[in-house]
């Protein structure tokens, strides 16, 4: 589900359309994204599946916080 929500945003950004996924899907995905291990590329651990997290304000909407956790930079942040 996390991939679907995040890549849906990617596609929407690419083709220039609004993206408003269901709040429950975003909430579930945000909880899953919070469990993704982070680490610098120089760590001995295998690279993570997503880009390093981007700092997003804690009071930002859930979708923006989700995108930040998986390395996206939402325009509003």
N, C-alpha and C. Protein backbone atom coordinates (compact mmCIF):
# COMPACT_ATOMS: atom_id res chain seq x y z
N UNK A 1 0.82 -1.19 0.00
CA UNK A 1 0.00 0.00 0.00
C UNK A 1 0.87 1.25 0.00
N UNK A 2 1.93 1.22 0.78
CA UNK A 2 2.84 2.37 0.85
C UNK A 2 3.35 2.73 -0.54
N UNK A 3 3.81 1.75 -1.29
CA UNK A 3 4.31 2.01 -2.65
C UNK A 3 3.23 2.61 -3.53
N UNK A 4 2.02 2.10 -3.44
CA UNK A 4 0.93 2.62 -4.28
C UNK A 4 0.64 4.09 -3.97
N UNK A 5 0.59 4.43 -2.70
CA UNK A 5 0.29 5.81 -2.32
C UNK A 5 1.43 6.73 -2.76
N UNK A 6 2.66 6.34 -2.48
CA UNK A 6 3.81 7.20 -2.81
C UNK A 6 4.00 7.29 -4.33
N UNK A 7 3.93 6.17 -5.02
CA UNK A 7 4.14 6.23 -6.47
C UNK A 7 2.95 6.89 -7.18
N UNK A 8 1.78 6.84 -6.57
CA UNK A 8 0.65 7.60 -7.10
C UNK A 8 0.96 9.09 -7.08
N UNK A 9 1.58 9.53 -6.00
CA UNK A 9 1.99 10.94 -5.90
C UNK A 9 3.05 11.24 -6.95
N UNK A 10 4.01 10.32 -7.12
CA UNK A 10 5.05 10.51 -8.14
C UNK A 10 4.44 10.72 -9.52
N UNK A 11 3.50 9.86 -9.87
CA UNK A 11 2.86 9.95 -11.19
C UNK A 11 2.09 11.26 -11.31
N UNK A 12 1.34 11.61 -10.28
CA UNK A 12 0.57 12.86 -10.32
C UNK A 12 1.49 14.06 -10.52
N UNK A 13 2.63 14.06 -9.84
CA UNK A 13 3.59 15.15 -10.00
C UNK A 13 4.12 15.20 -11.43
N UNK A 14 4.39 14.03 -11.98
CA UNK A 14 4.95 13.95 -13.32
C UNK A 14 4.00 14.48 -14.38
N UNK A 15 2.72 14.16 -14.24
CA UNK A 15 1.76 14.58 -15.27
C UNK A 15 1.01 15.86 -14.90
N UNK A 16 1.33 16.42 -13.73
CA UNK A 16 0.77 17.71 -13.34
C UNK A 16 -0.69 17.72 -12.96
N UNK A 17 -1.11 16.67 -12.25
CA UNK A 17 -2.50 16.63 -11.79
C UNK A 17 -2.54 16.61 -10.27
N UNK A 18 -3.67 16.99 -9.71
CA UNK A 18 -3.85 16.97 -8.26
C UNK A 18 -3.87 15.52 -7.77
N UNK A 19 -3.43 15.32 -6.54
CA UNK A 19 -3.41 13.98 -5.95
C UNK A 19 -3.97 14.07 -4.55
N UNK A 20 -5.05 13.36 -4.32
CA UNK A 20 -5.73 13.40 -3.02
C UNK A 20 -6.15 11.98 -2.63
N UNK A 21 -5.18 11.17 -2.17
CA UNK A 21 -5.54 9.80 -1.78
C UNK A 21 -6.39 9.78 -0.52
N UNK A 22 -7.10 8.70 -0.34
CA UNK A 22 -7.96 8.52 0.83
C UNK A 22 -7.13 8.69 2.11
N UNK A 23 -7.68 9.40 3.07
CA UNK A 23 -6.97 9.67 4.32
C UNK A 23 -6.57 8.40 5.06
N UNK A 24 -7.41 7.37 5.02
CA UNK A 24 -7.07 6.10 5.69
C UNK A 24 -5.85 5.44 5.05
N UNK A 25 -5.75 5.52 3.72
CA UNK A 25 -4.59 4.95 3.03
C UNK A 25 -3.31 5.70 3.40
N UNK A 26 -3.42 7.00 3.48
CA UNK A 26 -2.25 7.81 3.85
C UNK A 26 -1.84 7.51 5.29
N UNK A 27 -2.80 7.41 6.19
CA UNK A 27 -2.52 7.11 7.59
C UNK A 27 -1.81 5.76 7.74
N UNK A 28 -2.35 4.75 7.08
CA UNK A 28 -1.74 3.42 7.12
C UNK A 28 -0.33 3.46 6.54
N UNK A 29 -0.17 4.14 5.43
CA UNK A 29 1.14 4.22 4.77
C UNK A 29 2.14 4.99 5.62
N UNK A 30 1.68 6.03 6.30
CA UNK A 30 2.55 6.81 7.17
C UNK A 30 3.07 5.95 8.31
N UNK A 31 2.20 5.13 8.88
CA UNK A 31 2.64 4.22 9.95
C UNK A 31 3.66 3.23 9.44
N UNK A 32 3.46 2.70 8.24
CA UNK A 32 4.41 1.75 7.66
C UNK A 32 5.74 2.44 7.34
N UNK A 33 5.68 3.65 6.80
CA UNK A 33 6.90 4.37 6.44
C UNK A 33 7.75 4.69 7.67
N UNK A 34 7.09 4.92 8.80
CA UNK A 34 7.82 5.22 10.03
C UNK A 34 8.68 4.03 10.49
N UNK A 35 8.38 2.84 9.99
CA UNK A 35 9.14 1.64 10.36
C UNK A 35 10.30 1.35 9.43
N UNK A 36 10.43 2.10 8.35
CA UNK A 36 11.50 1.87 7.38
C UNK A 36 12.83 2.27 8.01
N UNK A 37 13.81 1.36 7.98
CA UNK A 37 15.12 1.73 8.55
C UNK A 37 15.78 2.82 7.72
N UNK A 38 16.49 3.69 8.41
CA UNK A 38 17.21 4.75 7.72
C UNK A 38 18.70 4.51 7.93
N UNK A 39 19.48 5.18 7.19
CA UNK A 39 20.91 5.06 7.34
C UNK A 39 21.60 5.73 6.17
N UNK A 40 22.79 6.20 6.43
CA UNK A 40 23.56 6.85 5.39
C UNK A 40 24.05 5.79 4.39
N UNK A 41 24.23 6.17 3.13
CA UNK A 41 24.74 5.22 2.14
C UNK A 41 26.08 4.61 2.54
N UNK A 42 26.84 5.28 3.41
CA UNK A 42 28.14 4.75 3.82
C UNK A 42 28.05 3.72 4.95
N UNK A 43 26.85 3.51 5.50
CA UNK A 43 26.67 2.50 6.54
C UNK A 43 27.00 1.12 6.00
N UNK A 44 27.34 0.20 6.90
CA UNK A 44 27.60 -1.18 6.51
C UNK A 44 26.33 -1.94 6.16
N UNK A 45 25.20 -1.38 6.56
CA UNK A 45 23.92 -2.02 6.27
C UNK A 45 23.58 -1.89 4.80
N UNK A 46 22.77 -2.81 4.30
CA UNK A 46 22.32 -2.65 2.91
C UNK A 46 21.56 -1.34 2.75
N UNK A 47 21.61 -0.78 1.56
CA UNK A 47 20.89 0.47 1.31
C UNK A 47 19.40 0.27 1.52
N UNK A 48 18.76 1.32 1.99
CA UNK A 48 17.33 1.26 2.20
C UNK A 48 16.60 1.33 0.86
N UNK A 49 15.33 1.02 0.87
CA UNK A 49 14.53 0.98 -0.35
C UNK A 49 14.18 2.38 -0.86
N UNK A 50 14.30 3.39 -0.02
CA UNK A 50 13.92 4.74 -0.39
C UNK A 50 15.09 5.69 -0.18
N UNK A 51 14.97 6.87 -0.73
CA UNK A 51 15.97 7.91 -0.49
C UNK A 51 15.95 8.29 0.99
N UNK A 52 17.03 8.89 1.48
CA UNK A 52 17.03 9.33 2.88
C UNK A 52 15.86 10.26 3.16
N UNK A 53 15.36 10.18 4.38
CA UNK A 53 14.21 11.00 4.78
C UNK A 53 14.53 12.48 4.64
N UNK A 54 13.51 13.23 4.31
CA UNK A 54 13.59 14.68 4.19
C UNK A 54 12.83 15.26 5.37
N UNK A 55 13.40 16.26 6.03
CA UNK A 55 12.74 16.84 7.19
C UNK A 55 11.48 17.60 6.76
N UNK A 56 10.38 17.21 7.36
CA UNK A 56 9.08 17.84 7.10
C UNK A 56 8.51 18.24 8.46
N UNK A 57 7.92 19.39 8.54
CA UNK A 57 7.35 19.88 9.78
C UNK A 57 6.33 18.90 10.35
N UNK A 58 6.37 18.69 11.65
CA UNK A 58 5.46 17.75 12.32
C UNK A 58 4.00 18.18 12.21
N UNK A 59 3.74 19.45 11.94
CA UNK A 59 2.36 19.90 11.80
C UNK A 59 1.89 19.92 10.34
N UNK A 60 2.71 19.40 9.44
CA UNK A 60 2.33 19.29 8.03
C UNK A 60 1.27 18.21 7.86
N UNK A 61 0.52 18.26 6.77
CA UNK A 61 -0.46 17.20 6.51
C UNK A 61 0.21 15.82 6.43
N UNK A 62 -0.57 14.79 6.72
CA UNK A 62 -0.05 13.43 6.77
C UNK A 62 0.63 13.02 5.46
N UNK A 63 0.07 13.38 4.32
CA UNK A 63 0.68 13.00 3.04
C UNK A 63 2.06 13.61 2.90
N UNK A 64 2.23 14.86 3.29
CA UNK A 64 3.55 15.50 3.21
C UNK A 64 4.55 14.82 4.14
N UNK A 65 4.10 14.46 5.35
CA UNK A 65 4.99 13.76 6.28
C UNK A 65 5.39 12.40 5.73
N UNK A 66 4.43 11.69 5.12
CA UNK A 66 4.72 10.40 4.49
C UNK A 66 5.76 10.58 3.39
N UNK A 67 5.55 11.55 2.53
CA UNK A 67 6.48 11.78 1.43
C UNK A 67 7.88 12.10 1.94
N UNK A 68 7.96 12.88 3.00
CA UNK A 68 9.26 13.20 3.58
C UNK A 68 9.98 11.96 4.11
N UNK A 69 9.23 11.05 4.71
CA UNK A 69 9.85 9.83 5.26
C UNK A 69 10.46 8.95 4.18
N UNK A 70 9.93 9.05 2.95
CA UNK A 70 10.47 8.22 1.87
C UNK A 70 11.32 9.04 0.88
N UNK A 71 11.77 10.20 1.35
CA UNK A 71 12.73 10.98 0.58
C UNK A 71 12.17 11.90 -0.48
N UNK A 72 10.87 12.13 -0.46
CA UNK A 72 10.28 13.06 -1.43
C UNK A 72 10.22 14.44 -0.80
N UNK A 73 10.22 15.45 -1.64
CA UNK A 73 10.12 16.84 -1.20
C UNK A 73 8.83 17.44 -1.74
N UNK A 74 7.75 17.34 -0.95
CA UNK A 74 6.50 17.95 -1.41
C UNK A 74 6.68 19.45 -1.56
N UNK A 75 6.09 20.02 -2.57
CA UNK A 75 6.28 21.44 -2.90
C UNK A 75 5.89 22.36 -1.75
N UNK A 76 4.88 21.99 -0.99
CA UNK A 76 4.40 22.86 0.08
C UNK A 76 5.34 22.94 1.28
N UNK A 77 6.29 22.00 1.38
CA UNK A 77 7.16 21.98 2.56
C UNK A 77 8.45 22.73 2.34
